[in-house]
């Protein structure tokens, strides 16, 4: 797996290492490593081939659905939900989020639960349930500010700020939208995150 991550920017080489990892895991009949192999493949195909990502997610679920594991099968359902959202299958997306939520709750995976709730908030925002989405993002901002143990803490913070700004724009509360966009701009400059800086700058406009 370390060779995969070292070569992640070269999809051809990364794909080769992900396949080798999966073949070895299958040979050793290591269920969790098999799931991780399919997870590596899914992460590679996510930006270019969502149908392949969904197929890999189905494999993750197939191998782990009867296990009690901290990460699986919830991760498979979560990524399948995100992939379905990207291609416009919103009902199916929500269904997968809810199944992922059930497993994450059962296995007390707080970070997964947080991320699943965030994705459900985005789905509500897209469907027009703006007030419900806003309440999710407001509560998540409080949690992320009080908890420093999340992976990708900084990126999660940026995402929530952007989601809050979007929610307020759709609710036509532009002063509040601008307030969160400005926080995002300042945090981006402070942390030298130019991609998020331009996102928040566009949002402000």
C-alpha atoms as a PDB file:
ATOM      1  CA  UNK A   1       0.000   0.000   0.000  1.00  0.00           C
ATOM      2  CA  UNK A   2       2.884   2.399   0.714  1.00  0.00           C
ATOM      3  CA  UNK A   3       4.092   2.036  -2.893  1.00  0.00           C
ATOM      4  CA  UNK A   4       0.581   2.915  -4.074  1.00  0.00           C
ATOM      5  CA  UNK A   5       0.557   6.151  -2.056  1.00  0.00           C
ATOM      6  CA  UNK A   6       4.079   7.074  -3.181  1.00  0.00           C
ATOM      7  CA  UNK A   7       2.946   6.793  -6.819  1.00  0.00           C
ATOM      8  CA  UNK A   8      -0.572   8.173  -6.453  1.00  0.00           C
ATOM      9  CA  UNK A   9       0.096  10.999  -8.918  1.00  0.00           C
ATOM     10  CA  UNK A  10       0.875   8.486 -11.670  1.00  0.00           C
ATOM     11  CA  UNK A  11      -2.398   6.613 -12.148  1.00  0.00           C
ATOM     12  CA  UNK A  12      -0.894   3.848 -14.322  1.00  0.00           C
ATOM     13  CA  UNK A  13       1.788   2.912 -11.776  1.00  0.00           C
ATOM     14  CA  UNK A  14      -0.616   3.391  -8.849  1.00  0.00           C
ATOM     15  CA  UNK A  15      -3.163   1.103 -10.525  1.00  0.00           C
ATOM     16  CA  UNK A  16      -0.464  -1.557 -10.929  1.00  0.00           C
ATOM     17  CA  UNK A  17       0.430  -1.440  -7.220  1.00  0.00           C
ATOM     18  CA  UNK A  18      -3.243  -1.453  -6.170  1.00  0.00           C
ATOM     19  CA  UNK A  19      -3.818  -4.587  -8.263  1.00  0.00           C
ATOM     20  CA  UNK A  20      -0.729  -6.281  -6.843  1.00  0.00           C
ATOM     21  CA  UNK A  21      -1.913  -5.431  -3.328  1.00  0.00           C
ATOM     22  CA  UNK A  22      -5.328  -6.927  -4.082  1.00  0.00           C
ATOM     23  CA  UNK A  23      -3.905 -10.086  -5.665  1.00  0.00           C
ATOM     24  CA  UNK A  24      -1.653 -10.683  -2.648  1.00  0.00           C
ATOM     25  CA  UNK A  25      -4.541 -10.053  -0.228  1.00  0.00           C
ATOM     26  CA  UNK A  26      -6.745 -12.550  -2.091  1.00  0.00           C
ATOM     27  CA  UNK A  27      -3.956 -15.134  -2.103  1.00  0.00           C
ATOM     28  CA  UNK A  28      -3.598 -14.709   1.667  1.00  0.00           C
ATOM     29  CA  UNK A  29      -7.406 -14.665   2.099  1.00  0.00           C
ATOM     30  CA  UNK A  30      -7.111 -11.520   4.194  1.00  0.00           C
ATOM     31  CA  UNK A  31     -10.607 -10.031   4.014  1.00  0.00           C
ATOM     32  CA  UNK A  32      -9.762  -6.572   5.338  1.00  0.00           C
ATOM     33  CA  UNK A  33      -6.758  -6.213   3.041  1.00  0.00           C
ATOM     34  CA  UNK A  34      -8.938  -7.348   0.128  1.00  0.00           C
ATOM     35  CA  UNK A  35     -11.385  -4.563   1.035  1.00  0.00           C
ATOM     36  CA  UNK A  36      -8.496  -2.100   1.215  1.00  0.00           C
ATOM     37  CA  UNK A  37      -7.312  -3.238  -2.210  1.00  0.00           C
ATOM     38  CA  UNK A  38     -10.724  -2.495  -3.682  1.00  0.00           C
ATOM     39  CA  UNK A  39     -10.687   0.830  -1.787  1.00  0.00           C
ATOM     40  CA  UNK A  40      -7.402   1.775  -3.482  1.00  0.00           C
ATOM     41  CA  UNK A  41      -8.870   0.934  -6.893  1.00  0.00           C
ATOM     42  CA  UNK A  42     -12.024   2.891  -6.095  1.00  0.00           C
ATOM     43  CA  UNK A  43     -10.021   5.970  -5.117  1.00  0.00           C
ATOM     44  CA  UNK A  44      -8.178   5.816  -8.447  1.00  0.00           C
ATOM     45  CA  UNK A  45     -11.309   5.545 -10.577  1.00  0.00           C
ATOM     46  CA  UNK A  46     -13.356   8.146  -8.650  1.00  0.00           C
ATOM     47  CA  UNK A  47     -12.251  11.137 -10.712  1.00  0.00           C
ATOM     48  CA  UNK A  48     -12.591   9.477 -14.120  1.00  0.00           C
ATOM     49  CA  UNK A  49     -14.871   6.427 -14.016  1.00  0.00           C
ATOM     50  CA  UNK A  50     -17.601   6.503 -11.366  1.00  0.00           C
ATOM     51  CA  UNK A  51     -19.224   3.291 -12.607  1.00  0.00           C
ATOM     52  CA  UNK A  52     -15.947   1.452 -11.907  1.00  0.00           C
ATOM     53  CA  UNK A  53     -15.852   3.092  -8.489  1.00  0.00           C
ATOM     54  CA  UNK A  54     -19.351   1.778  -7.744  1.00  0.00           C
ATOM     55  CA  UNK A  55     -18.332  -1.729  -8.876  1.00  0.00           C
ATOM     56  CA  UNK A  56     -15.316  -1.597  -6.550  1.00  0.00           C
ATOM     57  CA  UNK A  57     -17.578  -0.402  -3.729  1.00  0.00           C
ATOM     58  CA  UNK A  58     -19.859  -3.372  -4.338  1.00  0.00           C
ATOM     59  CA  UNK A  59     -16.813  -5.625  -3.940  1.00  0.00           C
ATOM     60  CA  UNK A  60     -15.875  -3.904  -0.662  1.00  0.00           C
ATOM     61  CA  UNK A  61     -19.423  -4.480   0.603  1.00  0.00           C
ATOM     62  CA  UNK A  62     -19.491  -8.095  -0.621  1.00  0.00           C
ATOM     63  CA  UNK A  63     -16.347  -9.015   1.316  1.00  0.00           C
ATOM     64  CA  UNK A  64     -17.114  -7.100   4.521  1.00  0.00           C
ATOM     65  CA  UNK A  65     -20.908  -6.890   4.948  1.00  0.00           C
ATOM     66  CA  UNK A  66     -20.924  -9.621   7.615  1.00  0.00           C
ATOM     67  CA  UNK A  67     -17.935  -8.266   9.552  1.00  0.00           C
ATOM     68  CA  UNK A  68     -17.874  -6.048  12.606  1.00  0.00           C
ATOM     69  CA  UNK A  69     -15.069  -3.704  11.613  1.00  0.00           C
ATOM     70  CA  UNK A  70     -14.359  -0.091  12.531  1.00  0.00           C
ATOM     71  CA  UNK A  71     -14.098   1.039   8.898  1.00  0.00           C
ATOM     72  CA  UNK A  72     -15.912  -1.555   6.790  1.00  0.00           C
ATOM     73  CA  UNK A  73     -18.459  -2.080   5.269  1.00  0.00           C
ATOM     74  CA  UNK A  74     -19.506   1.514   6.089  1.00  0.00           C
ATOM     75  CA  UNK A  75     -16.753   2.950   3.881  1.00  0.00           C
ATOM     76  CA  UNK A  76     -18.008   0.954   0.894  1.00  0.00           C
ATOM     77  CA  UNK A  77     -21.562   2.245   1.317  1.00  0.00           C
ATOM     78  CA  UNK A  78     -20.354   5.818   1.911  1.00  0.00           C
ATOM     79  CA  UNK A  79     -18.211   5.954  -1.227  1.00  0.00           C
ATOM     80  CA  UNK A  80     -20.985   4.275  -3.207  1.00  0.00           C
ATOM     81  CA  UNK A  81     -23.354   6.983  -1.980  1.00  0.00           C
ATOM     82  CA  UNK A  82     -20.959   9.755  -3.017  1.00  0.00           C
ATOM     83  CA  UNK A  83     -20.459   8.163  -6.440  1.00  0.00           C
ATOM     84  CA  UNK A  84     -24.199   7.872  -7.005  1.00  0.00           C
ATOM     85  CA  UNK A  85     -24.622  11.510  -5.983  1.00  0.00           C
ATOM     86  CA  UNK A  86     -22.034  12.519  -8.581  1.00  0.00           C
ATOM     87  CA  UNK A  87     -23.925  10.775 -11.389  1.00  0.00           C
ATOM     88  CA  UNK A  88     -27.331  12.050 -10.278  1.00  0.00           C
ATOM     89  CA  UNK A  89     -28.793   8.964  -8.562  1.00  0.00           C
ATOM     90  CA  UNK A  90     -29.848  10.954  -5.498  1.00  0.00           C
ATOM     91  CA  UNK A  91     -32.355   8.528  -3.969  1.00  0.00           C
ATOM     92  CA  UNK A  92     -29.848   5.697  -4.229  1.00  0.00           C
ATOM     93  CA  UNK A  93     -27.172   7.991  -2.831  1.00  0.00           C
ATOM     94  CA  UNK A  94     -29.248   8.696   0.288  1.00  0.00           C
ATOM     95  CA  UNK A  95     -30.037   5.011   0.722  1.00  0.00           C
ATOM     96  CA  UNK A  96     -26.312   4.190   0.776  1.00  0.00           C
ATOM     97  CA  UNK A  97     -25.557   7.034   3.192  1.00  0.00           C
ATOM     98  CA  UNK A  98     -28.183   5.716   5.605  1.00  0.00           C
ATOM     99  CA  UNK A  99     -26.793   2.168   5.460  1.00  0.00           C
ATOM    100  CA  UNK A 100     -23.270   3.529   6.005  1.00  0.00           C
ATOM    101  CA  UNK A 101     -24.592   5.541   8.948  1.00  0.00           C
ATOM    102  CA  UNK A 102     -26.081   2.412  10.511  1.00  0.00           C
ATOM    103  CA  UNK A 103     -22.754   0.551  10.368  1.00  0.00           C
ATOM    104  CA  UNK A 104     -20.691   3.558  11.503  1.00  0.00           C
ATOM    105  CA  UNK A 105     -23.014   4.016  14.467  1.00  0.00           C
ATOM    106  CA  UNK A 106     -22.805   0.331  15.351  1.00  0.00           C
ATOM    107  CA  UNK A 107     -18.987   0.434  15.235  1.00  0.00           C
ATOM    108  CA  UNK A 108     -18.774   3.827  17.008  1.00  0.00           C
ATOM    109  CA  UNK A 109     -16.774   5.385  14.167  1.00  0.00           C
ATOM    110  CA  UNK A 110     -17.226   9.070  15.031  1.00  0.00           C
ATOM    111  CA  UNK A 111     -15.321  10.412  12.021  1.00  0.00           C
ATOM    112  CA  UNK A 112     -17.352   8.325   9.584  1.00  0.00           C
ATOM    113  CA  UNK A 113     -20.578   9.462  11.232  1.00  0.00           C
ATOM    114  CA  UNK A 114     -19.464  13.080  10.958  1.00  0.00           C
ATOM    115  CA  UNK A 115     -18.603  12.735   7.271  1.00  0.00           C
ATOM    116  CA  UNK A 116     -21.820  10.843   6.468  1.00  0.00           C
ATOM    117  CA  UNK A 117     -23.862  13.562   8.172  1.00  0.00           C
ATOM    118  CA  UNK A 118     -21.993  16.149   6.094  1.00  0.00           C
ATOM    119  CA  UNK A 119     -22.881  14.310   2.877  1.00  0.00           C
ATOM    120  CA  UNK A 120     -26.526  14.044   3.938  1.00  0.00           C
ATOM    121  CA  UNK A 121     -26.443  17.803   4.566  1.00  0.00           C
ATOM    122  CA  UNK A 122     -25.192  18.386   1.012  1.00  0.00           C
ATOM    123  CA  UNK A 123     -27.940  16.159  -0.344  1.00  0.00           C
ATOM    124  CA  UNK A 124     -30.574  18.106   1.634  1.00  0.00           C
ATOM    125  CA  UNK A 125     -29.115  21.362   0.325  1.00  0.00           C
ATOM    126  CA  UNK A 126     -29.310  20.075  -3.239  1.00  0.00           C
ATOM    127  CA  UNK A 127     -32.892  18.868  -2.753  1.00  0.00           C
ATOM    128  CA  UNK A 128     -33.968  22.254  -1.436  1.00  0.00           C
ATOM    129  CA  UNK A 129     -34.171  21.418   2.281  1.00  0.00           C
ATOM    130  CA  UNK A 130     -32.033  24.462   2.971  1.00  0.00           C
ATOM    131  CA  UNK A 131     -32.979  25.028   6.617  1.00  0.00           C
ATOM    132  CA  UNK A 132     -32.308  21.379   7.529  1.00  0.00           C
ATOM    133  CA  UNK A 133     -28.973  21.468   5.710  1.00  0.00           C
ATOM    134  CA  UNK A 134     -28.033  24.702   7.482  1.00  0.00           C
ATOM    135  CA  UNK A 135     -28.701  23.187  10.915  1.00  0.00           C
ATOM    136  CA  UNK A 136     -26.464  20.212  10.074  1.00  0.00           C
ATOM    137  CA  UNK A 137     -23.586  22.440   8.974  1.00  0.00           C
ATOM    138  CA  UNK A 138     -23.946  24.794  11.957  1.00  0.00           C
ATOM    139  CA  UNK A 139     -23.772  21.901  14.413  1.00  0.00           C
ATOM    140  CA  UNK A 140     -20.822  20.414  12.513  1.00  0.00           C
ATOM    141  CA  UNK A 141     -18.892  23.670  12.710  1.00  0.00           C
ATOM    142  CA  UNK A 142     -19.235  23.608  16.511  1.00  0.00           C
ATOM    143  CA  UNK A 143     -18.046  19.985  16.638  1.00  0.00           C
ATOM    144  CA  UNK A 144     -15.037  20.567  14.366  1.00  0.00           C
ATOM    145  CA  UNK A 145     -13.978  23.610  16.390  1.00  0.00           C
ATOM    146  CA  UNK A 146     -14.100  21.640  19.635  1.00  0.00           C
ATOM    147  CA  UNK A 147     -12.492  18.436  18.327  1.00  0.00           C
ATOM    148  CA  UNK A 148      -8.938  18.396  16.986  1.00  0.00           C
ATOM    149  CA  UNK A 149      -8.696  14.630  16.484  1.00  0.00           C
ATOM    150  CA  UNK A 150     -10.282  14.377  13.039  1.00  0.00           C
ATOM    151  CA  UNK A 151      -8.202  13.393  10.036  1.00  0.00           C
ATOM    152  CA  UNK A 152      -8.050  16.176   7.433  1.00  0.00           C
ATOM    153  CA  UNK A 153      -9.262  18.576  10.125  1.00  0.00           C
ATOM    154  CA  UNK A 154      -8.316  21.634   8.124  1.00  0.00           C
ATOM    155  CA  UNK A 155     -10.077  20.497   4.940  1.00  0.00           C
ATOM    156  CA  UNK A 156     -13.207  19.525   6.867  1.00  0.00           C
ATOM    157  CA  UNK A 157     -13.284  23.011   8.380  1.00  0.00           C
ATOM    158  CA  UNK A 158     -13.027  24.600   4.940  1.00  0.00           C
ATOM    159  CA  UNK A 159     -15.781  22.353   3.557  1.00  0.00           C
ATOM    160  CA  UNK A 160     -18.180  23.223   6.380  1.00  0.00           C
ATOM    161  CA  UNK A 161     -17.538  26.952   6.018  1.00  0.00           C
ATOM    162  CA  UNK A 162     -18.225  26.709   2.284  1.00  0.00           C
ATOM    163  CA  UNK A 163     -21.374  24.664   2.895  1.00  0.00           C
ATOM    164  CA  UNK A 164     -22.591  27.246   5.421  1.00  0.00           C
ATOM    165  CA  UNK A 165     -21.997  30.052   2.965  1.00  0.00           C
ATOM    166  CA  UNK A 166     -23.855  28.140   0.227  1.00  0.00           C
ATOM    167  CA  UNK A 167     -26.769  27.452   2.556  1.00  0.00           C
ATOM    168  CA  UNK A 168     -27.128  31.122   3.468  1.00  0.00           C
ATOM    169  CA  UNK A 169     -26.924  32.183  -0.179  1.00  0.00           C
ATOM    170  CA  UNK A 170     -29.762  29.813  -1.073  1.00  0.00           C
ATOM    171  CA  UNK A 171     -31.725  31.171   1.894  1.00  0.00           C
ATOM    172  CA  UNK A 172     -31.038  34.697   0.561  1.00  0.00           C
ATOM    173  CA  UNK A 173     -29.265  35.661   3.777  1.00  0.00           C
ATOM    174  CA  UNK A 174     -26.315  37.253   2.038  1.00  0.00           C
ATOM    175  CA  UNK A 175     -24.704  38.963   5.034  1.00  0.00           C
ATOM    176  CA  UNK A 176     -24.380  35.610   6.809  1.00  0.00           C
ATOM    177  CA  UNK A 177     -23.076  33.980   3.611  1.00  0.00           C
ATOM    178  CA  UNK A 178     -20.439  36.684   3.274  1.00  0.00           C
ATOM    179  CA  UNK A 179     -19.478  36.322   6.947  1.00  0.00           C
ATOM    180  CA  UNK A 180     -18.524  32.639   6.503  1.00  0.00           C
ATOM    181  CA  UNK A 181     -16.865  33.279   3.142  1.00  0.00           C
ATOM    182  CA  UNK A 182     -14.632  35.923   4.752  1.00  0.00           C
ATOM    183  CA  UNK A 183     -13.668  33.491   7.531  1.00  0.00           C
ATOM    184  CA  UNK A 184     -12.759  30.985   4.810  1.00  0.00           C
ATOM    185  CA  UNK A 185     -10.655  33.579   2.968  1.00  0.00           C
ATOM    186  CA  UNK A 186      -8.710  34.511   6.113  1.00  0.00           C
ATOM    187  CA  UNK A 187      -8.124  30.868   7.089  1.00  0.00           C
ATOM    188  CA  UNK A 188      -7.013  30.037   3.537  1.00  0.00           C
ATOM    189  CA  UNK A 189      -4.476  32.878   3.479  1.00  0.00           C
ATOM    190  CA  UNK A 190      -3.222  31.991   6.950  1.00  0.00           C
ATOM    191  CA  UNK A 191      -2.639  28.366   5.913  1.00  0.00           C
ATOM    192  CA  UNK A 192      -1.419  29.203   2.377  1.00  0.00           C
ATOM    193  CA  UNK A 193      -4.297  27.278   0.777  1.00  0.00           C
ATOM    194  CA  UNK A 194      -4.714  29.134  -2.489  1.00  0.00           C
ATOM    195  CA  UNK A 195      -7.262  26.715  -3.968  1.00  0.00           C
ATOM    196  CA  UNK A 196      -9.689  27.259  -1.104  1.00  0.00           C
ATOM    197  CA  UNK A 197      -8.836  30.983  -1.092  1.00  0.00           C
ATOM    198  CA  UNK A 198     -10.107  31.330  -4.658  1.00  0.00           C
ATOM    199  CA  UNK A 199     -13.177  29.200  -3.854  1.00  0.00           C
ATOM    200  CA  UNK A 200     -14.164  31.525  -1.013  1.00  0.00           C
ATOM    201  CA  UNK A 201     -13.266  34.598  -3.050  1.00  0.00           C
ATOM    202  CA  UNK A 202     -15.603  33.424  -5.817  1.00  0.00           C
ATOM    203  CA  UNK A 203     -18.231  32.673  -3.207  1.00  0.00           C
ATOM    204  CA  UNK A 204     -17.923  36.193  -1.827  1.00  0.00           C
ATOM    205  CA  UNK A 205     -18.490  37.626  -5.300  1.00  0.00           C
END
